[in-house]
Amino acid sequence: LPAGWWHATRIHEPSISLGKVQLNRQNWPLFATDVCAFWQRHHRAVGPLVAPYLRALGRLMDLQERLR
């Protein structure tokens, strides 16, 4: 399921299901924004440090994908 898409299921018998969220170049900025907002709300001292870290991590992950 793409990030941000709401969904619902109704199961009528015993079942096992698995969902997977994939972070990639398209949804990384939204993920990083959400994580930064969380830290800013809950730990204001940490909040400003999270954005540069996530920017660097996103670039590193993008480079890794390109070299695959």
PDB file of N, CA and C in Angstrom:
ATOM      1  N   LEU A   1       0.840  -1.183   0.000  1.00  0.00           N
ATOM      2  CA  LEU A   1       0.000   0.000   0.000  1.00  0.00           C
ATOM      3  C   LEU A   1       0.881   1.241   0.000  1.00  0.00           C
ATOM      4  N   PRO A   2       0.571   2.181  -0.834  1.00  0.00           N
ATOM      5  CA  PRO A   2       1.338   3.426  -0.811  1.00  0.00           C
ATOM      6  C   PRO A   2       1.148   4.167   0.509  1.00  0.00           C
ATOM      7  N   ALA A   3       2.162   4.869   0.948  1.00  0.00           N
ATOM      8  CA  ALA A   3       2.071   5.633   2.197  1.00  0.00           C
ATOM      9  C   ALA A   3       0.956   6.660   2.094  1.00  0.00           C
ATOM     10  N   GLY A   4       0.195   6.790   3.161  1.00  0.00           N
ATOM     11  CA  GLY A   4      -0.870   7.774   3.203  1.00  0.00           C
ATOM     12  C   GLY A   4      -2.207   7.291   2.662  1.00  0.00           C
ATOM     13  N   TRP A   5      -2.280   6.085   2.134  1.00  0.00           N
ATOM     14  CA  TRP A   5      -3.542   5.557   1.611  1.00  0.00           C
ATOM     15  C   TRP A   5      -4.263   4.834   2.731  1.00  0.00           C
ATOM     16  N   TRP A   6      -5.478   5.232   3.001  1.00  0.00           N
ATOM     17  CA  TRP A   6      -6.293   4.566   4.008  1.00  0.00           C
ATOM     18  C   TRP A   6      -6.914   3.324   3.383  1.00  0.00           C
ATOM     19  N   HIS A   7      -7.066   2.320   4.195  1.00  0.00           N
ATOM     20  CA  HIS A   7      -7.675   1.089   3.715  1.00  0.00           C
ATOM     21  C   HIS A   7      -8.327   0.372   4.888  1.00  0.00           C
ATOM     22  N   ALA A   8      -9.184  -0.542   4.561  1.00  0.00           N
ATOM     23  CA  ALA A   8      -9.834  -1.362   5.577  1.00  0.00           C
ATOM     24  C   ALA A   8     -10.080  -2.745   5.006  1.00  0.00           C
ATOM     25  N   THR A   9     -10.090  -3.720   5.875  1.00  0.00           N
ATOM     26  CA  THR A   9     -10.401  -5.086   5.459  1.00  0.00           C
ATOM     27  C   THR A   9     -11.418  -5.670   6.414  1.00  0.00           C
ATOM     28  N   ARG A  10     -12.167  -6.606   5.928  1.00  0.00           N
ATOM     29  CA  ARG A  10     -13.098  -7.344   6.766  1.00  0.00           C
ATOM     30  C   ARG A  10     -12.783  -8.825   6.570  1.00  0.00           C
ATOM     31  N   ILE A  11     -12.423  -9.478   7.647  1.00  0.00           N
ATOM     32  CA  ILE A  11     -12.032 -10.879   7.582  1.00  0.00           C
ATOM     33  C   ILE A  11     -13.164 -11.724   8.154  1.00  0.00           C
ATOM     34  N   HIS A  12     -13.615 -12.706   7.384  1.00  0.00           N
ATOM     35  CA  HIS A  12     -14.759 -13.531   7.777  1.00  0.00           C
ATOM     36  C   HIS A  12     -14.364 -14.904   8.319  1.00  0.00           C
ATOM     37  N   GLU A  13     -13.084 -15.183   8.333  1.00  0.00           N
ATOM     38  CA  GLU A  13     -12.589 -16.451   8.869  1.00  0.00           C
ATOM     39  C   GLU A  13     -11.169 -16.239   9.355  1.00  0.00           C
ATOM     40  N   PRO A  14     -10.608 -17.178  10.105  1.00  0.00           N
ATOM     41  CA  PRO A  14      -9.225 -17.009  10.572  1.00  0.00           C
ATOM     42  C   PRO A  14      -8.286 -16.753   9.392  1.00  0.00           C
ATOM     43  N   SER A  15      -7.405 -15.799   9.576  1.00  0.00           N
ATOM     44  CA  SER A  15      -6.543 -15.388   8.473  1.00  0.00           C
ATOM     45  C   SER A  15      -5.275 -14.742   9.017  1.00  0.00           C
ATOM     46  N   ILE A  16      -4.257 -14.714   8.189  1.00  0.00           N
ATOM     47  CA  ILE A  16      -3.027 -13.991   8.481  1.00  0.00           C
ATOM     48  C   ILE A  16      -2.796 -13.052   7.307  1.00  0.00           C
ATOM     49  N   SER A  17      -2.519 -11.793   7.616  1.00  0.00           N
ATOM     50  CA  SER A  17      -2.205 -10.842   6.549  1.00  0.00           C
ATOM     51  C   SER A  17      -0.937 -10.088   6.921  1.00  0.00           C
ATOM     52  N   LEU A  18      -0.290  -9.568   5.921  1.00  0.00           N
ATOM     53  CA  LEU A  18       0.968  -8.867   6.126  1.00  0.00           C
ATOM     54  C   LEU A  18       0.957  -7.615   5.259  1.00  0.00           C
ATOM     55  N   GLY A  19       1.291  -6.492   5.855  1.00  0.00           N
ATOM     56  CA  GLY A  19       1.428  -5.254   5.108  1.00  0.00           C
ATOM     57  C   GLY A  19       2.856  -4.763   5.208  1.00  0.00           C
ATOM     58  N   LYS A  20       3.319  -4.108   4.170  1.00  0.00           N
ATOM     59  CA  LYS A  20       4.695  -3.635   4.153  1.00  0.00           C
ATOM     60  C   LYS A  20       4.716  -2.188   3.673  1.00  0.00           C
ATOM     61  N   VAL A  21       5.417  -1.356   4.407  1.00  0.00           N
ATOM     62  CA  VAL A  21       5.597   0.029   3.991  1.00  0.00           C
ATOM     63  C   VAL A  21       7.017   0.163   3.463  1.00  0.00           C
ATOM     64  N   GLN A  22       7.141   0.640   2.260  1.00  0.00           N
ATOM     65  CA  GLN A  22       8.439   0.778   1.612  1.00  0.00           C
ATOM     66  C   GLN A  22       8.809   2.249   1.565  1.00  0.00           C
ATOM     67  N   LEU A  23       9.931   2.600   2.132  1.00  0.00           N
ATOM     68  CA  LEU A  23      10.420   3.969   2.009  1.00  0.00           C
ATOM     69  C   LEU A  23      11.291   4.059   0.772  1.00  0.00           C
ATOM     70  N   ASN A  24      11.048   5.105  -0.024  1.00  0.00           N
ATOM     71  CA  ASN A  24      11.828   5.311  -1.232  1.00  0.00           C
ATOM     72  C   ASN A  24      11.929   6.807  -1.515  1.00  0.00           C
ATOM     73  N   ARG A  25      12.482   7.162  -2.635  1.00  0.00           N
ATOM     74  CA  ARG A  25      12.702   8.561  -2.987  1.00  0.00           C
ATOM     75  C   ARG A  25      11.387   9.350  -3.017  1.00  0.00           C
ATOM     76  N   GLN A  26      10.307   8.719  -3.450  1.00  0.00           N
ATOM     77  CA  GLN A  26       9.043   9.430  -3.569  1.00  0.00           C
ATOM     78  C   GLN A  26       8.397   9.731  -2.215  1.00  0.00           C
ATOM     79  N   ASN A  27       8.483   8.818  -1.244  1.00  0.00           N
ATOM     80  CA  ASN A  27       7.777   9.046   0.016  1.00  0.00           C
ATOM     81  C   ASN A  27       8.705   9.417   1.178  1.00  0.00           C
ATOM     82  N   TRP A  28       9.995   9.474   0.951  1.00  0.00           N
ATOM     83  CA  TRP A  28      10.927   9.833   2.024  1.00  0.00           C
ATOM     84  C   TRP A  28      10.671  11.236   2.574  1.00  0.00           C
ATOM     85  N   PRO A  29      10.456  12.259   1.739  1.00  0.00           N
ATOM     86  CA  PRO A  29      10.226  13.598   2.304  1.00  0.00           C
ATOM     87  C   PRO A  29       9.016  13.650   3.250  1.00  0.00           C
ATOM     88  N   LEU A  30       7.939  12.989   2.915  1.00  0.00           N
ATOM     89  CA  LEU A  30       6.763  12.970   3.792  1.00  0.00           C
ATOM     90  C   LEU A  30       7.073  12.234   5.099  1.00  0.00           C
ATOM     91  N   PHE A  31       7.778  11.114   5.001  1.00  0.00           N
ATOM     92  CA  PHE A  31       8.185  10.372   6.189  1.00  0.00           C
ATOM     93  C   PHE A  31       9.067  11.245   7.086  1.00  0.00           C
ATOM     94  N   ALA A  32      10.058  11.897   6.486  1.00  0.00           N
ATOM     95  CA  ALA A  32      10.974  12.737   7.255  1.00  0.00           C
ATOM     96  C   ALA A  32      10.228  13.894   7.924  1.00  0.00           C
ATOM     97  N   THR A  33       9.283  14.481   7.228  1.00  0.00           N
ATOM     98  CA  THR A  33       8.482  15.565   7.805  1.00  0.00           C
ATOM     99  C   THR A  33       7.699  15.078   9.015  1.00  0.00           C
ATOM    100  N   ASP A  34       7.091  13.896   8.896  1.00  0.00           N
ATOM    101  CA  ASP A  34       6.331  13.327  10.013  1.00  0.00           C
ATOM    102  C   ASP A  34       7.229  13.037  11.216  1.00  0.00           C
ATOM    103  N   VAL A  35       8.397  12.466  10.968  1.00  0.00           N
ATOM    104  CA  VAL A  35       9.323  12.145  12.058  1.00  0.00           C
ATOM    105  C   VAL A  35       9.807  13.430  12.738  1.00  0.00           C
ATOM    106  N   CYS A  36      10.146  14.439  11.945  1.00  0.00           N
ATOM    107  CA  CYS A  36      10.593  15.716  12.520  1.00  0.00           C
ATOM    108  C   CYS A  36       9.487  16.349  13.353  1.00  0.00           C
ATOM    109  N   ALA A  37       8.261  16.305  12.875  1.00  0.00           N
ATOM    110  CA  ALA A  37       7.140  16.877  13.626  1.00  0.00           C
ATOM    111  C   ALA A  37       6.955  16.148  14.954  1.00  0.00           C
ATOM    112  N   PHE A  38       7.090  14.825  14.937  1.00  0.00           N
ATOM    113  CA  PHE A  38       6.973  14.058  16.178  1.00  0.00           C
ATOM    114  C   PHE A  38       8.009  14.514  17.192  1.00  0.00           C
ATOM    115  N   TRP A  39       9.268  14.570  16.768  1.00  0.00           N
ATOM    116  CA  TRP A  39      10.336  14.943  17.692  1.00  0.00           C
ATOM    117  C   TRP A  39      10.184  16.384  18.155  1.00  0.00           C
ATOM    118  N   GLN A  40       9.724  17.252  17.279  1.00  0.00           N
ATOM    119  CA  GLN A  40       9.538  18.650  17.660  1.00  0.00           C
ATOM    120  C   GLN A  40       8.451  18.773  18.728  1.00  0.00           C
ATOM    121  N   ARG A  41       7.390  17.989  18.608  1.00  0.00           N
ATOM    122  CA  ARG A  41       6.302  18.031  19.594  1.00  0.00           C
ATOM    123  C   ARG A  41       6.717  17.434  20.922  1.00  0.00           C
ATOM    124  N   HIS A  42       7.455  16.333  20.893  1.00  0.00           N
ATOM    125  CA  HIS A  42       7.720  15.574  22.114  1.00  0.00           C
ATOM    126  C   HIS A  42       9.065  15.869  22.770  1.00  0.00           C
ATOM    127  N   HIS A  43      10.025  16.303  22.008  1.00  0.00           N
ATOM    128  CA  HIS A  43      11.367  16.580  22.545  1.00  0.00           C
ATOM    129  C   HIS A  43      11.958  17.760  21.776  1.00  0.00           C
ATOM    130  N   ARG A  44      11.583  18.955  22.174  1.00  0.00           N
ATOM    131  CA  ARG A  44      11.978  20.156  21.429  1.00  0.00           C
ATOM    132  C   ARG A  44      13.491  20.319  21.279  1.00  0.00           C
ATOM    133  N   ALA A  45      14.255  19.836  22.236  1.00  0.00           N
ATOM    134  CA  ALA A  45      15.713  19.955  22.135  1.00  0.00           C
ATOM    135  C   ALA A  45      16.266  19.049  21.037  1.00  0.00           C
ATOM    136  N   VAL A  46      15.625  17.936  20.790  1.00  0.00           N
ATOM    137  CA  VAL A  46      16.091  16.974  19.787  1.00  0.00           C
ATOM    138  C   VAL A  46      15.573  17.336  18.401  1.00  0.00           C
ATOM    139  N   GLY A  47      14.402  17.949  18.330  1.00  0.00           N
ATOM    140  CA  GLY A  47      13.747  18.255  17.057  1.00  0.00           C
ATOM    141  C   GLY A  47      14.636  18.873  16.001  1.00  0.00           C
ATOM    142  N   PRO A  48      15.373  19.940  16.304  1.00  0.00           N
ATOM    143  CA  PRO A  48      16.214  20.577  15.283  1.00  0.00           C
ATOM    144  C   PRO A  48      17.346  19.687  14.774  1.00  0.00           C
ATOM    145  N   LEU A  49      17.732  18.693  15.536  1.00  0.00           N
ATOM    146  CA  LEU A  49      18.822  17.796  15.115  1.00  0.00           C
ATOM    147  C   LEU A  49      18.343  16.702  14.172  1.00  0.00           C
ATOM    148  N   VAL A  50      17.058  16.424  14.202  1.00  0.00           N
ATOM    149  CA  VAL A  50      16.525  15.300  13.438  1.00  0.00           C
ATOM    150  C   VAL A  50      16.499  15.600  11.936  1.00  0.00           C
ATOM    151  N   ALA A  51      16.105  16.813  11.550  1.00  0.00           N
ATOM    152  CA  ALA A  51      15.984  17.147  10.122  1.00  0.00           C
ATOM    153  C   ALA A  51      17.293  16.978   9.354  1.00  0.00           C
ATOM    154  N   PRO A  52      18.415  17.526   9.825  1.00  0.00           N
ATOM    155  CA  PRO A  52      19.668  17.324   9.078  1.00  0.00           C
ATOM    156  C   PRO A  52      20.074  15.849   9.004  1.00  0.00           C
ATOM    157  N   TYR A  53      19.835  15.130  10.092  1.00  0.00           N
ATOM    158  CA  TYR A  53      20.160  13.700  10.097  1.00  0.00           C
ATOM    159  C   TYR A  53      19.346  12.965   9.038  1.00  0.00           C
ATOM    160  N   LEU A  54      18.038  13.233   8.995  1.00  0.00           N
ATOM    161  CA  LEU A  54      17.181  12.540   8.031  1.00  0.00           C
ATOM    162  C   LEU A  54      17.504  12.942   6.594  1.00  0.00           C
ATOM    163  N   ARG A  55      17.883  14.205   6.372  1.00  0.00           N
ATOM    164  CA  ARG A  55      18.297  14.621   5.020  1.00  0.00           C
ATOM    165  C   ARG A  55      19.518  13.826   4.572  1.00  0.00           C
ATOM    166  N   ALA A  56      20.522  13.725   5.462  1.00  0.00           N
ATOM    167  CA  ALA A  56      21.739  12.974   5.131  1.00  0.00           C
ATOM    168  C   ALA A  56      21.429  11.498   4.924  1.00  0.00           C
ATOM    169  N   LEU A  57      20.587  10.947   5.788  1.00  0.00           N
ATOM    170  CA  LEU A  57      20.227   9.536   5.652  1.00  0.00           C
ATOM    171  C   LEU A  57      19.476   9.277   4.351  1.00  0.00           C
ATOM    172  N   GLY A  58      18.579  10.167   3.984  1.00  0.00           N
ATOM    173  CA  GLY A  58      17.844  10.021   2.726  1.00  0.00           C
ATOM    174  C   GLY A  58      18.775  10.029   1.529  1.00  0.00           C
ATOM    175  N   ARG A  59      19.752  10.933   1.547  1.00  0.00           N
ATOM    176  CA  ARG A  59      20.721  10.988   0.444  1.00  0.00           C
ATOM    177  C   ARG A  59      21.560   9.719   0.375  1.00  0.00           C
ATOM    178  N   LEU A  60      21.960   9.224   1.536  1.00  0.00           N
ATOM    179  CA  LEU A  60      22.748   7.996   1.586  1.00  0.00           C
ATOM    180  C   LEU A  60      21.936   6.807   1.064  1.00  0.00           C
ATOM    181  N   MET A  61      20.694   6.708   1.469  1.00  0.00           N
ATOM    182  CA  MET A  61      19.850   5.609   1.004  1.00  0.00           C
ATOM    183  C   MET A  61      19.590   5.713  -0.495  1.00  0.00           C
ATOM    184  N   ASP A  62      19.414   6.932  -1.012  1.00  0.00           N
ATOM    185  CA  ASP A  62      19.210   7.129  -2.440  1.00  0.00           C
ATOM    186  C   ASP A  62      20.448   6.696  -3.219  1.00  0.00           C
ATOM    187  N   LEU A  63      21.618   7.070  -2.726  1.00  0.00           N
ATOM    188  CA  LEU A  63      22.869   6.660  -3.372  1.00  0.00           C
ATOM    189  C   LEU A  63      23.009   5.148  -3.372  1.00  0.00           C
ATOM    190  N   GLN A  64      22.672   4.527  -2.248  1.00  0.00           N
ATOM    191  CA  GLN A  64      22.751   3.073  -2.158  1.00  0.00           C
ATOM    192  C   GLN A  64      21.843   2.405  -3.184  1.00  0.00           C
ATOM    193  N   GLU A  65      20.622   2.924  -3.352  1.00  0.00           N
ATOM    194  CA  GLU A  65      19.699   2.349  -4.336  1.00  0.00           C
ATOM    195  C   GLU A  65      20.214   2.509  -5.761  1.00  0.00           C
ATOM    196  N   ARG A  66      20.827   3.647  -6.041  1.00  0.00           N
ATOM    197  CA  ARG A  66      21.340   3.892  -7.393  1.00  0.00           C
ATOM    198  C   ARG A  66      22.519   2.984  -7.729  1.00  0.00           C
ATOM    199  N   LEU A  67      23.289   2.607  -6.713  1.00  0.00           N
ATOM    200  CA  LEU A  67      24.473   1.761  -6.950  1.00  0.00           C
ATOM    201  C   LEU A  67      24.142   0.280  -6.985  1.00  0.00           C
ATOM    202  N   ARG A  68      22.935  -0.069  -6.698  1.00  0.00           N
ATOM    203  CA  ARG A  68      22.548  -1.493  -6.699  1.00  0.00           C
ATOM    204  C   ARG A  68      22.618  -2.107  -8.040  1.00  0.00           C
TER     205      ARG A  68
END
